[in-house]
Amino acid sequence: MVKIKEAIVVEGRYDKNTLSQIVDAPILETSGFGIFKDKEQLALLRRVAEKRGLIVFTDADGAGFVIRNHIKSAIPGKYLKHAYTPDIFGKERRKAAPGKEGKLGVEGMKKDVILECMRRAGATFEDEEAPGARQELTKADLMDLGLYGPGSADLRAALVKKLGFPAKISTNAFLQAVDLLYTKEELEEMIHQL
């Protein structure tokens, strides 16, 4: 597993599943064209990009480029890196037939191809940079703060609203988002302000 500093945005859960077996990095999804309607998800991507950097890794088909261009128009280029899959024709194992253009998407790429795509995009590999002293947030931290566990839903919902996160964000996605953007101390301060 290769650790990458930047967060990565992909089209959907199958792409995320493939990448999560190869790279150790936060991986966010656009839900395909769902990104066009979800202003909160786009705002979250923008904030993550500003804080950590964001690698856009969509399929090399028409839909992938439409999604990529939408992200490019919404987030300043200085925070983005772009990973492109090569044109490899075939079909993913889970599909009965190839896609409309006959090309493999992110989910169909082999490990060495994905890592080469990341290198070409300019991803910051952990072994090329001194590891930071920042402690990752855990579910135990959320529990300490009253944001996870029995009776935590109302406080978490209030914080989600204050932070402008998508209202239907799952607990795991919430943890990933706050870990990318805040320290435990910053979260404590925001909770006290609620």
N, C-alpha and C. Protein backbone atom coordinates (compact mmCIF):
# COMPACT_ATOMS: atom_id res chain seq x y z
N MET A 1 0.85 -1.18 0.00
CA MET A 1 0.00 0.00 0.00
C MET A 1 0.89 1.24 0.00
N VAL A 2 0.58 2.16 -0.89
CA VAL A 2 1.36 3.38 -1.04
C VAL A 2 0.60 4.55 -0.44
N LYS A 3 1.26 5.30 0.45
CA LYS A 3 0.61 6.43 1.11
C LYS A 3 0.78 7.69 0.28
N ILE A 4 -0.34 8.38 0.02
CA ILE A 4 -0.34 9.61 -0.76
C ILE A 4 -0.90 10.73 0.10
N LYS A 5 -0.25 11.89 0.05
CA LYS A 5 -0.64 13.03 0.90
C LYS A 5 -1.99 13.62 0.49
N GLU A 6 -2.19 13.82 -0.81
CA GLU A 6 -3.40 14.47 -1.27
C GLU A 6 -4.61 13.55 -1.12
N ALA A 7 -5.79 14.16 -1.08
CA ALA A 7 -7.03 13.39 -1.17
C ALA A 7 -7.28 13.10 -2.65
N ILE A 8 -8.06 12.08 -2.93
CA ILE A 8 -8.36 11.70 -4.31
C ILE A 8 -9.87 11.69 -4.48
N VAL A 9 -10.37 12.24 -5.59
CA VAL A 9 -11.80 12.18 -5.88
C VAL A 9 -12.00 11.31 -7.11
N VAL A 10 -12.94 10.37 -6.99
CA VAL A 10 -13.28 9.44 -8.07
C VAL A 10 -14.78 9.52 -8.33
N GLU A 11 -15.22 8.86 -9.39
CA GLU A 11 -16.63 8.94 -9.75
C GLU A 11 -17.54 8.15 -8.81
N GLY A 12 -17.17 6.93 -8.46
CA GLY A 12 -18.10 6.11 -7.69
C GLY A 12 -17.44 5.10 -6.79
N ARG A 13 -18.28 4.28 -6.16
CA ARG A 13 -17.80 3.36 -5.13
C ARG A 13 -16.91 2.25 -5.65
N TYR A 14 -17.09 1.81 -6.90
CA TYR A 14 -16.22 0.76 -7.42
C TYR A 14 -14.82 1.30 -7.68
N ASP A 15 -14.75 2.55 -8.14
CA ASP A 15 -13.44 3.20 -8.30
C ASP A 15 -12.77 3.35 -6.94
N LYS A 16 -13.55 3.78 -5.95
CA LYS A 16 -13.02 3.96 -4.60
C LYS A 16 -12.51 2.63 -4.04
N ASN A 17 -13.27 1.57 -4.26
CA ASN A 17 -12.87 0.25 -3.77
C ASN A 17 -11.54 -0.18 -4.39
N THR A 18 -11.40 -0.01 -5.70
CA THR A 18 -10.15 -0.38 -6.38
C THR A 18 -8.98 0.42 -5.82
N LEU A 19 -9.15 1.74 -5.72
CA LEU A 19 -8.05 2.59 -5.23
C LEU A 19 -7.68 2.29 -3.79
N SER A 20 -8.69 2.01 -2.95
CA SER A 20 -8.41 1.80 -1.53
C SER A 20 -7.59 0.54 -1.28
N GLN A 21 -7.51 -0.34 -2.27
CA GLN A 21 -6.67 -1.52 -2.15
C GLN A 21 -5.23 -1.25 -2.59
N ILE A 22 -4.99 -0.08 -3.16
CA ILE A 22 -3.67 0.24 -3.73
C ILE A 22 -3.01 1.41 -3.02
N VAL A 23 -3.80 2.45 -2.70
CA VAL A 23 -3.23 3.65 -2.08
C VAL A 23 -3.86 3.91 -0.73
N ASP A 24 -3.06 4.46 0.16
CA ASP A 24 -3.53 4.89 1.47
C ASP A 24 -3.67 6.40 1.38
N ALA A 25 -4.89 6.84 1.09
CA ALA A 25 -5.20 8.26 0.97
C ALA A 25 -6.70 8.41 1.15
N PRO A 26 -7.15 9.58 1.57
CA PRO A 26 -8.60 9.80 1.63
C PRO A 26 -9.16 9.76 0.21
N ILE A 27 -10.21 8.99 -0.01
CA ILE A 27 -10.82 8.86 -1.33
C ILE A 27 -12.28 9.28 -1.22
N LEU A 28 -12.64 10.30 -1.97
CA LEU A 28 -13.99 10.84 -1.97
C LEU A 28 -14.66 10.50 -3.29
N GLU A 29 -15.99 10.44 -3.28
CA GLU A 29 -16.74 10.09 -4.49
C GLU A 29 -17.59 11.27 -4.94
N THR A 30 -17.81 11.35 -6.27
CA THR A 30 -18.72 12.36 -6.81
C THR A 30 -20.13 11.82 -6.96
N SER A 31 -20.31 10.52 -6.80
CA SER A 31 -21.58 9.85 -7.10
C SER A 31 -21.95 10.09 -8.56
N GLY A 32 -20.96 9.98 -9.43
CA GLY A 32 -21.18 10.20 -10.85
C GLY A 32 -21.65 11.62 -11.11
N PHE A 33 -22.73 11.74 -11.87
CA PHE A 33 -23.28 13.07 -12.17
C PHE A 33 -23.99 13.69 -10.97
N GLY A 34 -24.07 12.96 -9.86
CA GLY A 34 -24.67 13.50 -8.64
C GLY A 34 -23.97 14.76 -8.16
N ILE A 35 -22.72 14.93 -8.53
CA ILE A 35 -21.94 16.11 -8.13
C ILE A 35 -22.55 17.40 -8.68
N PHE A 36 -23.29 17.30 -9.77
CA PHE A 36 -23.90 18.50 -10.36
C PHE A 36 -25.03 19.06 -9.50
N LYS A 37 -25.69 18.21 -8.75
CA LYS A 37 -26.82 18.63 -7.91
C LYS A 37 -26.42 18.85 -6.46
N ASP A 38 -25.29 18.30 -6.04
CA ASP A 38 -24.91 18.31 -4.63
C ASP A 38 -23.90 19.42 -4.35
N LYS A 39 -24.42 20.60 -4.08
CA LYS A 39 -23.56 21.76 -3.81
C LYS A 39 -22.73 21.57 -2.54
N GLU A 40 -23.31 20.87 -1.56
CA GLU A 40 -22.58 20.63 -0.31
C GLU A 40 -21.38 19.72 -0.54
N GLN A 41 -21.54 18.68 -1.38
CA GLN A 41 -20.43 17.77 -1.68
C GLN A 41 -19.34 18.53 -2.42
N LEU A 42 -19.72 19.40 -3.35
CA LEU A 42 -18.75 20.19 -4.09
C LEU A 42 -18.02 21.15 -3.15
N ALA A 43 -18.76 21.75 -2.21
CA ALA A 43 -18.13 22.64 -1.23
C ALA A 43 -17.14 21.87 -0.37
N LEU A 44 -17.49 20.64 0.01
CA LEU A 44 -16.58 19.80 0.80
C LEU A 44 -15.32 19.49 -0.01
N LEU A 45 -15.48 19.15 -1.28
CA LEU A 45 -14.31 18.89 -2.14
C LEU A 45 -13.42 20.13 -2.21
N ARG A 46 -14.02 21.30 -2.32
CA ARG A 46 -13.26 22.55 -2.40
C ARG A 46 -12.45 22.76 -1.12
N ARG A 47 -13.08 22.53 0.03
CA ARG A 47 -12.39 22.73 1.30
C ARG A 47 -11.25 21.73 1.49
N VAL A 48 -11.50 20.49 1.11
CA VAL A 48 -10.45 19.47 1.20
C VAL A 48 -9.30 19.83 0.27
N ALA A 49 -9.62 20.28 -0.93
CA ALA A 49 -8.58 20.67 -1.90
C ALA A 49 -7.73 21.80 -1.35
N GLU A 50 -8.35 22.79 -0.74
CA GLU A 50 -7.61 23.93 -0.19
C GLU A 50 -6.72 23.52 0.98
N LYS A 51 -7.18 22.56 1.76
CA LYS A 51 -6.44 22.15 2.95
C LYS A 51 -5.34 21.13 2.64
N ARG A 52 -5.62 20.20 1.72
CA ARG A 52 -4.72 19.06 1.55
C ARG A 52 -4.26 18.84 0.11
N GLY A 53 -4.98 19.43 -0.84
CA GLY A 53 -4.73 19.14 -2.26
C GLY A 53 -5.66 18.02 -2.69
N LEU A 54 -6.05 18.02 -3.96
CA LEU A 54 -7.02 17.05 -4.45
C LEU A 54 -6.58 16.54 -5.82
N ILE A 55 -6.54 15.21 -5.94
CA ILE A 55 -6.24 14.58 -7.23
C ILE A 55 -7.55 14.14 -7.83
N VAL A 56 -7.86 14.66 -9.02
CA VAL A 56 -9.08 14.28 -9.73
C VAL A 56 -8.74 13.07 -10.59
N PHE A 57 -9.43 11.95 -10.35
CA PHE A 57 -9.12 10.69 -11.05
C PHE A 57 -10.42 10.09 -11.56
N THR A 58 -10.87 10.60 -12.70
CA THR A 58 -12.11 10.11 -13.30
C THR A 58 -11.77 9.24 -14.51
N ASP A 59 -12.78 8.52 -14.99
CA ASP A 59 -12.58 7.66 -16.16
C ASP A 59 -12.22 8.49 -17.39
N ALA A 60 -11.61 7.84 -18.38
CA ALA A 60 -11.18 8.52 -19.59
C ALA A 60 -12.27 8.51 -20.67
N ASP A 61 -13.53 8.45 -20.23
CA ASP A 61 -14.62 8.49 -21.20
C ASP A 61 -15.29 9.86 -21.14
N GLY A 62 -16.30 10.05 -21.97
CA GLY A 62 -16.98 11.35 -22.02
C GLY A 62 -17.54 11.78 -20.69
N ALA A 63 -18.19 10.87 -19.98
CA ALA A 63 -18.77 11.20 -18.68
C ALA A 63 -17.68 11.62 -17.68
N GLY A 64 -16.57 10.91 -17.69
CA GLY A 64 -15.47 11.24 -16.79
C GLY A 64 -14.92 12.64 -17.04
N PHE A 65 -14.83 13.04 -18.31
CA PHE A 65 -14.33 14.37 -18.62
C PHE A 65 -15.34 15.46 -18.27
N VAL A 66 -16.63 15.16 -18.39
CA VAL A 66 -17.66 16.13 -17.99
C VAL A 66 -17.56 16.38 -16.48
N ILE A 67 -17.43 15.31 -15.71
CA ILE A 67 -17.31 15.43 -14.25
C ILE A 67 -16.02 16.17 -13.88
N ARG A 68 -14.92 15.80 -14.52
CA ARG A 68 -13.63 16.46 -14.28
C ARG A 68 -13.72 17.96 -14.56
N ASN A 69 -14.33 18.32 -15.68
CA ASN A 69 -14.45 19.74 -16.05
C ASN A 69 -15.33 20.50 -15.07
N HIS A 70 -16.35 19.85 -14.54
CA HIS A 70 -17.20 20.51 -13.54
C HIS A 70 -16.39 20.81 -12.27
N ILE A 71 -15.59 19.84 -11.85
CA ILE A 71 -14.74 20.06 -10.67
C ILE A 71 -13.72 21.16 -10.95
N LYS A 72 -13.12 21.13 -12.14
CA LYS A 72 -12.14 22.16 -12.52
C LYS A 72 -12.75 23.56 -12.52
N SER A 73 -14.02 23.66 -12.89
CA SER A 73 -14.66 24.98 -12.93
C SER A 73 -15.05 25.48 -11.54
N ALA A 74 -15.14 24.57 -10.58
CA ALA A 74 -15.58 24.94 -9.23
C ALA A 74 -14.45 25.10 -8.22
N ILE A 75 -13.27 24.54 -8.51
CA ILE A 75 -12.16 24.57 -7.56
C ILE A 75 -10.95 25.17 -8.26
N PRO A 76 -10.30 26.15 -7.63
CA PRO A 76 -9.11 26.76 -8.26
C PRO A 76 -8.05 25.71 -8.61
N GLY A 77 -7.48 25.86 -9.79
CA GLY A 77 -6.50 24.92 -10.31
C GLY A 77 -5.29 24.71 -9.44
N LYS A 78 -4.92 25.71 -8.63
CA LYS A 78 -3.72 25.57 -7.81
C LYS A 78 -3.88 24.49 -6.74
N TYR A 79 -5.11 24.07 -6.46
CA TYR A 79 -5.35 23.03 -5.46
C TYR A 79 -5.56 21.65 -6.08
N LEU A 80 -5.60 21.58 -7.41
CA LEU A 80 -5.93 20.34 -8.10
C LEU A 80 -4.75 19.73 -8.82
N LYS A 81 -4.75 18.41 -8.87
CA LYS A 81 -3.85 17.64 -9.72
C LYS A 81 -4.75 16.68 -10.49
N HIS A 82 -4.36 16.36 -11.71
CA HIS A 82 -5.22 15.52 -12.54
C HIS A 82 -4.52 14.23 -12.93
N ALA A 83 -5.15 13.12 -12.57
CA ALA A 83 -4.65 11.80 -12.96
C ALA A 83 -5.56 11.29 -14.08
N TYR A 84 -4.94 10.82 -15.14
CA TYR A 84 -5.68 10.33 -16.30
C TYR A 84 -5.37 8.86 -16.53
N THR A 85 -6.43 8.08 -16.76
CA THR A 85 -6.23 6.67 -17.10
C THR A 85 -5.88 6.59 -18.58
N PRO A 86 -5.02 5.66 -18.95
CA PRO A 86 -4.72 5.48 -20.37
C PRO A 86 -5.91 4.84 -21.07
N ASP A 87 -5.96 4.97 -22.38
CA ASP A 87 -7.03 4.33 -23.15
C ASP A 87 -6.73 2.85 -23.30
N ILE A 88 -7.27 2.07 -22.39
CA ILE A 88 -7.14 0.61 -22.44
C ILE A 88 -8.54 0.07 -22.70
N PHE A 89 -8.69 -0.65 -23.79
CA PHE A 89 -10.01 -1.16 -24.15
C PHE A 89 -10.28 -2.50 -23.47
N GLY A 90 -11.50 -2.68 -23.07
CA GLY A 90 -11.92 -3.90 -22.40
C GLY A 90 -13.14 -3.62 -21.54
N LYS A 91 -13.45 -4.54 -20.63
CA LYS A 91 -14.57 -4.35 -19.72
C LYS A 91 -14.16 -4.76 -18.30
N GLU A 92 -14.78 -4.12 -17.34
CA GLU A 92 -14.54 -4.46 -15.95
C GLU A 92 -15.16 -5.82 -15.65
N ARG A 93 -14.59 -6.56 -14.71
CA ARG A 93 -15.06 -7.91 -14.38
C ARG A 93 -16.52 -7.95 -13.95
N ARG A 94 -16.98 -6.94 -13.24
CA ARG A 94 -18.35 -6.97 -12.73
C ARG A 94 -19.39 -6.68 -13.80
N LYS A 95 -18.97 -6.17 -14.95
CA LYS A 95 -19.91 -5.78 -16.00
C LYS A 95 -20.08 -6.89 -17.04
N ALA A 96 -21.28 -6.94 -17.60
CA ALA A 96 -21.57 -7.94 -18.63
C ALA A 96 -21.02 -7.52 -19.99
N ALA A 97 -20.91 -6.22 -20.21
CA ALA A 97 -20.44 -5.71 -21.50
C ALA A 97 -19.57 -4.47 -21.24
N PRO A 98 -18.71 -4.14 -22.20
CA PRO A 98 -17.90 -2.93 -22.05
C PRO A 98 -18.79 -1.68 -22.00
N GLY A 99 -18.22 -0.58 -21.51
CA GLY A 99 -18.94 0.69 -21.49
C GLY A 99 -19.16 1.20 -22.90
N LYS A 100 -19.87 2.29 -23.01
CA LYS A 100 -20.24 2.88 -24.29
C LYS A 100 -19.04 3.08 -25.21
N GLU A 101 -17.94 3.55 -24.65
CA GLU A 101 -16.74 3.81 -25.45
C GLU A 101 -15.77 2.64 -25.48
N GLY A 102 -16.07 1.58 -24.73
CA GLY A 102 -15.24 0.38 -24.75
C GLY A 102 -13.96 0.46 -23.95
N LYS A 103 -13.78 1.52 -23.15
CA LYS A 103 -12.54 1.71 -22.39
C LYS A 103 -12.72 1.28 -20.94
N LEU A 104 -11.64 0.80 -20.36
CA LEU A 104 -11.64 0.49 -18.93
C LEU A 104 -11.65 1.79 -18.15
N GLY A 105 -12.40 1.79 -17.04
CA GLY A 105 -12.40 2.94 -16.15
C GLY A 105 -11.40 2.74 -15.04
N VAL A 106 -11.43 3.62 -14.08
CA VAL A 106 -10.51 3.55 -12.94
C VAL A 106 -10.60 2.18 -12.27
N GLU A 107 -11.81 1.68 -12.09
CA GLU A 107 -11.98 0.39 -11.39
C GLU A 107 -11.35 -0.78 -12.13
N GLY A 108 -11.14 -0.65 -13.43
CA GLY A 108 -10.57 -1.75 -14.21
C GLY A 108 -9.07 -1.71 -14.38
N MET A 109 -8.43 -0.68 -13.85
CA MET A 109 -6.99 -0.51 -14.00
C MET A 109 -6.22 -1.39 -13.02
N LYS A 110 -5.06 -1.85 -13.45
CA LYS A 110 -4.18 -2.65 -12.59
C LYS A 110 -3.37 -1.71 -11.68
N LYS A 111 -2.84 -2.28 -10.62
CA LYS A 111 -2.11 -1.52 -9.61
C LYS A 111 -1.00 -0.68 -10.21
N ASP A 112 -0.14 -1.27 -11.05
CA ASP A 112 0.99 -0.52 -11.60
C ASP A 112 0.53 0.64 -12.49
N VAL A 113 -0.58 0.46 -13.18
CA VAL A 113 -1.12 1.54 -14.03
C VAL A 113 -1.62 2.68 -13.16
N ILE A 114 -2.35 2.35 -12.09
CA ILE A 114 -2.87 3.38 -11.18
C ILE A 114 -1.73 4.16 -10.55
N LEU A 115 -0.70 3.46 -10.08
CA LEU A 115 0.43 4.16 -9.45
C LEU A 115 1.15 5.07 -10.46
N GLU A 116 1.26 4.62 -11.70
CA GLU A 116 1.88 5.46 -12.73
C GLU A 116 1.01 6.69 -13.00
N CYS A 117 -0.31 6.52 -13.01
CA CYS A 117 -1.22 7.66 -13.19
C CYS A 117 -1.02 8.67 -12.06
N MET A 118 -0.87 8.18 -10.83
CA MET A 118 -0.65 9.06 -9.68
C MET A 118 0.68 9.80 -9.80
N ARG A 119 1.73 9.09 -10.22
CA ARG A 119 3.04 9.73 -10.39
C ARG A 119 2.98 10.84 -11.44
N ARG A 120 2.35 10.53 -12.56
CA ARG A 120 2.24 11.54 -13.63
C ARG A 120 1.43 12.75 -13.20
N ALA A 121 0.47 12.53 -12.31
CA ALA A 121 -0.35 13.64 -11.81
C ALA A 121 0.42 14.52 -10.83
N GLY A 122 1.54 14.01 -10.34
CA GLY A 122 2.33 14.78 -9.37
C GLY A 122 1.94 14.51 -7.93
N ALA A 123 1.34 13.35 -7.67
CA ALA A 123 0.96 12.99 -6.30
C ALA A 123 2.18 13.00 -5.40
N THR A 124 1.98 13.41 -4.16
CA THR A 124 3.05 13.43 -3.18
C THR A 124 3.03 12.11 -2.42
N PHE A 125 3.99 11.25 -2.73
CA PHE A 125 4.08 9.96 -2.06
C PHE A 125 4.74 10.15 -0.71
N GLU A 126 4.22 9.48 0.31
CA GLU A 126 4.67 9.66 1.69
C GLU A 126 6.16 9.41 1.85
N ASP A 127 6.71 8.43 1.16
CA ASP A 127 8.14 8.14 1.32
C ASP A 127 9.02 9.22 0.69
N GLU A 128 8.41 10.15 -0.03
CA GLU A 128 9.17 11.24 -0.64
C GLU A 128 9.07 12.51 0.19
N GLU A 129 8.34 12.45 1.29
CA GLU A 129 8.14 13.62 2.13
C GLU A 129 8.21 13.19 3.59
N ALA A 130 8.79 14.02 4.43
CA ALA A 130 8.85 13.68 5.85
C ALA A 130 7.46 13.56 6.42
N PRO A 131 7.17 12.50 7.16
CA PRO A 131 5.83 12.35 7.71
C PRO A 131 5.50 13.47 8.68
N GLY A 132 4.27 13.94 8.64
CA GLY A 132 3.83 15.03 9.51
C GLY A 132 3.58 14.53 10.92
N ALA A 133 3.54 15.46 11.85
CA ALA A 133 3.33 15.11 13.25
C ALA A 133 1.85 15.08 13.61
N ARG A 134 0.99 15.37 12.64
CA ARG A 134 -0.45 15.45 12.89
C ARG A 134 -1.02 14.07 13.24
N GLN A 135 -1.82 14.04 14.29
CA GLN A 135 -2.47 12.81 14.73
C GLN A 135 -3.82 12.68 14.03
N GLU A 136 -4.08 11.53 13.43
CA GLU A 136 -5.37 11.32 12.75
C GLU A 136 -6.48 11.18 13.77
N LEU A 137 -7.67 11.69 13.40
CA LEU A 137 -8.85 11.54 14.24
C LEU A 137 -9.41 10.13 14.09
N THR A 138 -9.98 9.62 15.17
CA THR A 138 -10.56 8.27 15.17
C THR A 138 -12.00 8.35 15.66
N LYS A 139 -12.71 7.24 15.55
CA LYS A 139 -14.07 7.20 16.09
C LYS A 139 -14.05 7.39 17.60
N ALA A 140 -12.98 6.95 18.24
CA ALA A 140 -12.86 7.16 19.70
C ALA A 140 -12.81 8.66 20.00
N ASP A 141 -12.11 9.42 19.16
CA ASP A 141 -12.07 10.88 19.34
C ASP A 141 -13.47 11.47 19.19
N LEU A 142 -14.21 10.99 18.17
CA LEU A 142 -15.58 11.47 17.97
C LEU A 142 -16.44 11.14 19.18
N MET A 143 -16.22 9.95 19.75
CA MET A 143 -16.99 9.55 20.92
C MET A 143 -16.66 10.46 22.10
N ASP A 144 -15.37 10.76 22.29
CA ASP A 144 -14.96 11.68 23.37
C ASP A 144 -15.62 13.04 23.24
N LEU A 145 -15.84 13.47 21.99
CA LEU A 145 -16.42 14.78 21.72
C LEU A 145 -17.94 14.75 21.69
N GLY A 146 -18.53 13.55 21.86
CA GLY A 146 -19.98 13.43 21.83
C GLY A 146 -20.57 13.41 20.43
N LEU A 147 -19.72 13.13 19.43
CA LEU A 147 -20.16 13.13 18.03
C LEU A 147 -20.40 11.73 17.49
N TYR A 148 -20.20 10.73 18.31
CA TYR A 148 -20.38 9.34 17.88
C TYR A 148 -20.90 8.55 19.06
N GLY A 149 -21.79 7.62 18.79
CA GLY A 149 -22.34 6.77 19.84
C GLY A 149 -23.75 7.19 20.20
N PRO A 150 -24.31 6.55 21.22
CA PRO A 150 -25.70 6.83 21.62
C PRO A 150 -25.91 8.31 21.95
N GLY A 151 -26.98 8.88 21.42
CA GLY A 151 -27.32 10.27 21.72
C GLY A 151 -26.49 11.31 21.01
N SER A 152 -25.69 10.91 20.03
CA SER A 152 -24.79 11.87 19.38
C SER A 152 -25.37 12.49 18.10
N ALA A 153 -26.46 11.95 17.61
CA ALA A 153 -26.98 12.35 16.29
C ALA A 153 -27.29 13.84 16.21
N ASP A 154 -27.92 14.41 17.25
CA ASP A 154 -28.30 15.82 17.19
C ASP A 154 -27.08 16.74 17.17
N LEU A 155 -26.11 16.45 18.02
CA LEU A 155 -24.89 17.27 18.05
C LEU A 155 -24.14 17.16 16.73
N ARG A 156 -24.02 15.93 16.22
CA ARG A 156 -23.33 15.74 14.94
C ARG A 156 -24.07 16.47 13.82
N ALA A 157 -25.41 16.40 13.81
CA ALA A 157 -26.20 17.10 12.79
C ALA A 157 -26.00 18.61 12.87
N ALA A 158 -25.93 19.14 14.09
CA ALA A 158 -25.71 20.58 14.26
C ALA A 158 -24.33 20.98 13.74
N LEU A 159 -23.34 20.15 14.02
CA LEU A 159 -21.98 20.44 13.55
C LEU A 159 -21.89 20.29 12.03
N VAL A 160 -22.56 19.28 11.48
CA VAL A 160 -22.60 19.09 10.03
C VAL A 160 -23.16 20.35 9.37
N LYS A 161 -24.24 20.87 9.95
CA LYS A 161 -24.87 22.09 9.40
C LYS A 161 -23.92 23.28 9.51
N LYS A 162 -23.29 23.43 10.67
CA LYS A 162 -22.35 24.55 10.88
C LYS A 162 -21.18 24.50 9.90
N LEU A 163 -20.69 23.28 9.63
CA LEU A 163 -19.54 23.12 8.75
C LEU A 163 -19.92 23.14 7.26
N GLY A 164 -21.23 23.07 6.97
CA GLY A 164 -21.67 23.07 5.60
C GLY A 164 -21.43 21.77 4.87
N PHE A 165 -21.36 20.67 5.62
CA PHE A 165 -21.19 19.35 5.02
C PHE A 165 -22.54 18.88 4.48
N PRO A 166 -22.53 17.90 3.58
CA PRO A 166 -23.80 17.34 3.10
C PRO A 166 -24.62 16.80 4.27
N ALA A 167 -25.91 17.15 4.31
CA ALA A 167 -26.78 16.79 5.44
C ALA A 167 -26.84 15.28 5.66
N LYS A 168 -26.77 14.50 4.59
CA LYS A 168 -26.90 13.04 4.73
C LYS A 168 -25.55 12.33 4.81
N ILE A 169 -24.52 13.04 5.22
CA ILE A 169 -23.18 12.45 5.30
C ILE A 169 -23.18 11.33 6.35
N SER A 170 -22.58 10.21 6.01
CA SER A 170 -22.50 9.09 6.96
C SER A 170 -21.47 9.41 8.05
N THR A 171 -21.52 8.65 9.13
CA THR A 171 -20.56 8.86 10.22
C THR A 171 -19.13 8.65 9.73
N ASN A 172 -18.91 7.61 8.93
CA ASN A 172 -17.56 7.35 8.42
C ASN A 172 -17.08 8.48 7.50
N ALA A 173 -17.97 8.96 6.63
CA ALA A 173 -17.60 10.06 5.73
C ALA A 173 -17.38 11.34 6.54
N PHE A 174 -18.18 11.55 7.59
CA PHE A 174 -18.00 12.70 8.47
C PHE A 174 -16.63 12.66 9.13
N LEU A 175 -16.27 11.49 9.65
CA LEU A 175 -14.96 11.32 10.28
C LEU A 175 -13.84 11.63 9.29
N GLN A 176 -13.96 11.11 8.08
CA GLN A 176 -12.94 11.36 7.05
C GLN A 176 -12.84 12.86 6.74
N ALA A 177 -13.99 13.51 6.61
CA ALA A 177 -13.99 14.94 6.27
C ALA A 177 -13.38 15.80 7.38
N VAL A 178 -13.81 15.57 8.63
CA VAL A 178 -13.26 16.39 9.71
C VAL A 178 -11.78 16.10 9.94
N ASP A 179 -11.37 14.85 9.70
CA ASP A 179 -9.95 14.52 9.85
C ASP A 179 -9.10 15.25 8.81
N LEU A 180 -9.66 15.42 7.62
CA LEU A 180 -8.92 16.14 6.58
C LEU A 180 -8.82 17.63 6.86
N LEU A 181 -9.83 18.18 7.55
CA LEU A 181 -9.93 19.63 7.67
C LEU A 181 -9.61 20.21 9.04
N TYR A 182 -9.75 19.41 10.11
CA TYR A 182 -9.63 19.96 11.46
C TYR A 182 -8.84 19.05 12.39
N THR A 183 -8.33 19.65 13.45
CA THR A 183 -7.72 18.88 14.53
C THR A 183 -8.80 18.61 15.58
N LYS A 184 -8.51 17.74 16.52
CA LYS A 184 -9.46 17.45 17.60
C LYS A 184 -9.74 18.72 18.41
N GLU A 185 -8.71 19.51 18.62
CA GLU A 185 -8.86 20.74 19.40
C GLU A 185 -9.77 21.73 18.67
N GLU A 186 -9.62 21.83 17.35
CA GLU A 186 -10.48 22.74 16.58
C GLU A 186 -11.94 22.27 16.64
N LEU A 187 -12.16 20.95 16.60
CA LEU A 187 -13.52 20.43 16.72
C LEU A 187 -14.11 20.74 18.09
N GLU A 188 -13.30 20.57 19.14
CA GLU A 188 -13.77 20.88 20.49
C GLU A 188 -14.24 22.32 20.58
N GLU A 189 -13.45 23.23 20.02
CA GLU A 189 -13.79 24.65 20.04
C GLU A 189 -15.09 24.91 19.30
N MET A 190 -15.28 24.29 18.15
CA MET A 190 -16.52 24.48 17.38
C MET A 190 -17.72 23.93 18.13
N ILE A 191 -17.54 22.80 18.82
CA ILE A 191 -18.66 22.22 19.60
C ILE A 191 -19.05 23.16 20.74
N HIS A 192 -18.05 23.78 21.39
CA HIS A 192 -18.34 24.72 22.48
C HIS A 192 -19.09 25.94 21.97
N GLN A 193 -18.87 26.29 20.70
CA GLN A 193 -19.55 27.46 20.12
C GLN A 193 -20.98 27.17 19.71
N LEU A 194 -21.34 25.88 19.61
CA LEU A 194 -22.71 25.52 19.17
C LEU A 194 -23.75 25.88 20.21
